[in-house]
Amino acid sequence: MNPLELSQIADLSSAVAHLIKSQLAAGGTVTAVANQIVVSISRFEVEHKLGSLLQHIYQSVDQHFPVRKEHLSLIIRDAEGVYENSFKIWKSGS
């Protein structure tokens, strides 16, 4: 992978992280490194709202970034460190 491709991955990752952060309830944190996005939310939200949060993230990413050249890794964890869930945001087909 050349440096330009790495830069494009980092740009997409940062843009997606910014999108998630803008739509996240107060108290959550979002960080991005290379092709990995880490979302940290309350334990209650992980236990009771993970499904709807994940669905919302996928829909928002598809809406705002319909063309993606690389896969992104999405990690959602609780702030207490009890839960950590990993998901993939697949690159687009085109």
C-alpha atoms as a PDB file:
ATOM      1  CA  MET A   1       0.000   0.000   0.000  1.00  0.00           C
ATOM      2  CA  ASN A   2       1.504   3.319  -1.007  1.00  0.00           C
ATOM      3  CA  PRO A   3       1.495   6.476   1.156  1.00  0.00           C
ATOM      4  CA  LEU A   4      -1.314   8.052  -0.904  1.00  0.00           C
ATOM      5  CA  GLU A   5      -3.574   5.055  -0.249  1.00  0.00           C
ATOM      6  CA  LEU A   6      -2.758   5.235   3.478  1.00  0.00           C
ATOM      7  CA  SER A   7      -3.613   8.931   3.448  1.00  0.00           C
ATOM      8  CA  GLN A   8      -6.972   8.222   1.766  1.00  0.00           C
ATOM      9  CA  ILE A   9      -7.779   5.564   4.377  1.00  0.00           C
ATOM     10  CA  ALA A  10      -6.873   7.965   7.186  1.00  0.00           C
ATOM     11  CA  ASP A  11      -8.995  10.700   5.583  1.00  0.00           C
ATOM     12  CA  LEU A  12     -12.015   8.394   5.280  1.00  0.00           C
ATOM     13  CA  SER A  13     -11.511   7.086   8.801  1.00  0.00           C
ATOM     14  CA  SER A  14     -11.256  10.615  10.214  1.00  0.00           C
ATOM     15  CA  ALA A  15     -14.301  11.785   8.262  1.00  0.00           C
ATOM     16  CA  VAL A  16     -16.391   8.819   9.416  1.00  0.00           C
ATOM     17  CA  ALA A  17     -15.221   9.332  13.010  1.00  0.00           C
ATOM     18  CA  HIS A  18     -16.235  13.004  12.805  1.00  0.00           C
ATOM     19  CA  LEU A  19     -19.662  12.002  11.431  1.00  0.00           C
ATOM     20  CA  ILE A  20     -20.212   9.490  14.250  1.00  0.00           C
ATOM     21  CA  LYS A  21     -19.061  11.997  16.871  1.00  0.00           C
ATOM     22  CA  SER A  22     -21.475  14.637  15.550  1.00  0.00           C
ATOM     23  CA  GLN A  23     -24.386  12.214  15.919  1.00  0.00           C
ATOM     24  CA  LEU A  24     -23.372  10.646  19.225  1.00  0.00           C
ATOM     25  CA  ALA A  25     -25.051  11.530  22.488  1.00  0.00           C
ATOM     26  CA  ALA A  26     -23.077  13.615  24.954  1.00  0.00           C
ATOM     27  CA  GLY A  27     -20.551  11.692  26.968  1.00  0.00           C
ATOM     28  CA  GLY A  28     -19.322   9.417  24.209  1.00  0.00           C
ATOM     29  CA  THR A  29     -15.894   9.614  22.608  1.00  0.00           C
ATOM     30  CA  VAL A  30     -14.764   8.715  19.115  1.00  0.00           C
ATOM     31  CA  THR A  31     -11.178   8.255  17.950  1.00  0.00           C
ATOM     32  CA  ALA A  32      -9.734   7.179  14.617  1.00  0.00           C
ATOM     33  CA  VAL A  33      -6.361   5.648  13.806  1.00  0.00           C
ATOM     34  CA  ALA A  34      -5.618   4.417  10.273  1.00  0.00           C
ATOM     35  CA  ASN A  35      -8.666   2.339   9.303  1.00  0.00           C
ATOM     36  CA  GLN A  36      -9.934   1.769  12.847  1.00  0.00           C
ATOM     37  CA  ILE A  37     -12.627   3.822  14.570  1.00  0.00           C
ATOM     38  CA  VAL A  38     -13.148   3.389  18.300  1.00  0.00           C
ATOM     39  CA  VAL A  39     -16.414   4.532  19.874  1.00  0.00           C
ATOM     40  CA  SER A  40     -16.612   4.627  23.663  1.00  0.00           C
ATOM     41  CA  ILE A  41     -20.063   5.017  25.202  1.00  0.00           C
ATOM     42  CA  SER A  42     -21.718   4.290  28.537  1.00  0.00           C
ATOM     43  CA  ARG A  43     -22.261   0.726  29.662  1.00  0.00           C
ATOM     44  CA  PHE A  44     -26.035   1.309  29.620  1.00  0.00           C
ATOM     45  CA  GLU A  45     -25.910   2.364  25.971  1.00  0.00           C
ATOM     46  CA  VAL A  46     -23.872  -0.706  25.022  1.00  0.00           C
ATOM     47  CA  GLU A  47     -26.234  -3.017  26.884  1.00  0.00           C
ATOM     48  CA  HIS A  48     -29.499  -1.457  25.684  1.00  0.00           C
ATOM     49  CA  LYS A  49     -28.885   0.564  22.526  1.00  0.00           C
ATOM     50  CA  LEU A  50     -26.043  -1.161  20.669  1.00  0.00           C
ATOM     51  CA  GLY A  51     -28.233  -2.541  17.879  1.00  0.00           C
ATOM     52  CA  SER A  52     -29.953   0.721  17.063  1.00  0.00           C
ATOM     53  CA  LEU A  53     -26.676   2.661  17.362  1.00  0.00           C
ATOM     54  CA  LEU A  54     -24.924   0.283  14.984  1.00  0.00           C
ATOM     55  CA  GLN A  55     -27.788   0.444  12.484  1.00  0.00           C
ATOM     56  CA  HIS A  56     -27.716   4.251  12.639  1.00  0.00           C
ATOM     57  CA  ILE A  57     -23.942   4.322  12.086  1.00  0.00           C
ATOM     58  CA  TYR A  58     -24.179   2.023   9.043  1.00  0.00           C
ATOM     59  CA  GLN A  59     -27.013   4.081   7.525  1.00  0.00           C
ATOM     60  CA  SER A  60     -25.194   7.380   8.115  1.00  0.00           C
ATOM     61  CA  VAL A  61     -21.939   6.092   6.636  1.00  0.00           C
ATOM     62  CA  ASP A  62     -23.757   4.712   3.572  1.00  0.00           C
ATOM     63  CA  GLN A  63     -25.572   8.025   3.119  1.00  0.00           C
ATOM     64  CA  HIS A  64     -22.559  10.327   3.552  1.00  0.00           C
ATOM     65  CA  PHE A  65     -19.817   8.085   2.120  1.00  0.00           C
ATOM     66  CA  PRO A  66     -21.452   5.864  -0.522  1.00  0.00           C
ATOM     67  CA  VAL A  67     -18.119   5.184  -2.269  1.00  0.00           C
ATOM     68  CA  ARG A  68     -15.496   3.645   0.019  1.00  0.00           C
ATOM     69  CA  LYS A  69     -12.300   2.094  -1.332  1.00  0.00           C
ATOM     70  CA  GLU A  70     -11.243   0.342   1.875  1.00  0.00           C
ATOM     71  CA  HIS A  71     -12.853  -1.508   4.739  1.00  0.00           C
ATOM     72  CA  LEU A  72     -13.035   0.251   8.103  1.00  0.00           C
ATOM     73  CA  SER A  73     -12.953  -1.418  11.482  1.00  0.00           C
ATOM     74  CA  LEU A  74     -15.513  -0.138  13.997  1.00  0.00           C
ATOM     75  CA  ILE A  75     -15.001  -0.924  17.671  1.00  0.00           C
ATOM     76  CA  ILE A  76     -17.733  -0.016  20.126  1.00  0.00           C
ATOM     77  CA  ARG A  77     -16.834  -0.335  23.790  1.00  0.00           C
ATOM     78  CA  ASP A  78     -18.216   0.833  27.068  1.00  0.00           C
ATOM     79  CA  ALA A  79     -16.344   3.420  29.104  1.00  0.00           C
ATOM     80  CA  GLU A  80     -15.933   0.971  32.001  1.00  0.00           C
ATOM     81  CA  GLY A  81     -14.091  -1.578  29.864  1.00  0.00           C
ATOM     82  CA  VAL A  82     -16.571  -4.435  30.334  1.00  0.00           C
ATOM     83  CA  TYR A  83     -17.736  -4.726  26.715  1.00  0.00           C
ATOM     84  CA  GLU A  84     -15.887  -4.419  23.428  1.00  0.00           C
ATOM     85  CA  ASN A  85     -17.595  -5.208  20.130  1.00  0.00           C
ATOM     86  CA  SER A  86     -15.906  -5.191  16.723  1.00  0.00           C
ATOM     87  CA  PHE A  87     -17.678  -4.585  13.437  1.00  0.00           C
ATOM     88  CA  LYS A  88     -16.639  -3.962   9.860  1.00  0.00           C
ATOM     89  CA  ILE A  89     -17.783  -1.169   7.583  1.00  0.00           C
ATOM     90  CA  TRP A  90     -17.266  -2.753   4.178  1.00  0.00           C
ATOM     91  CA  LYS A  91     -15.894  -0.911   1.203  1.00  0.00           C
ATOM     92  CA  SER A  92     -18.482  -0.102  -1.415  1.00  0.00           C
ATOM     93  CA  GLY A  93     -19.039  -2.360  -4.385  1.00  0.00           C
ATOM     94  CA  SER A  94     -18.256   0.335  -6.943  1.00  0.00           C
END
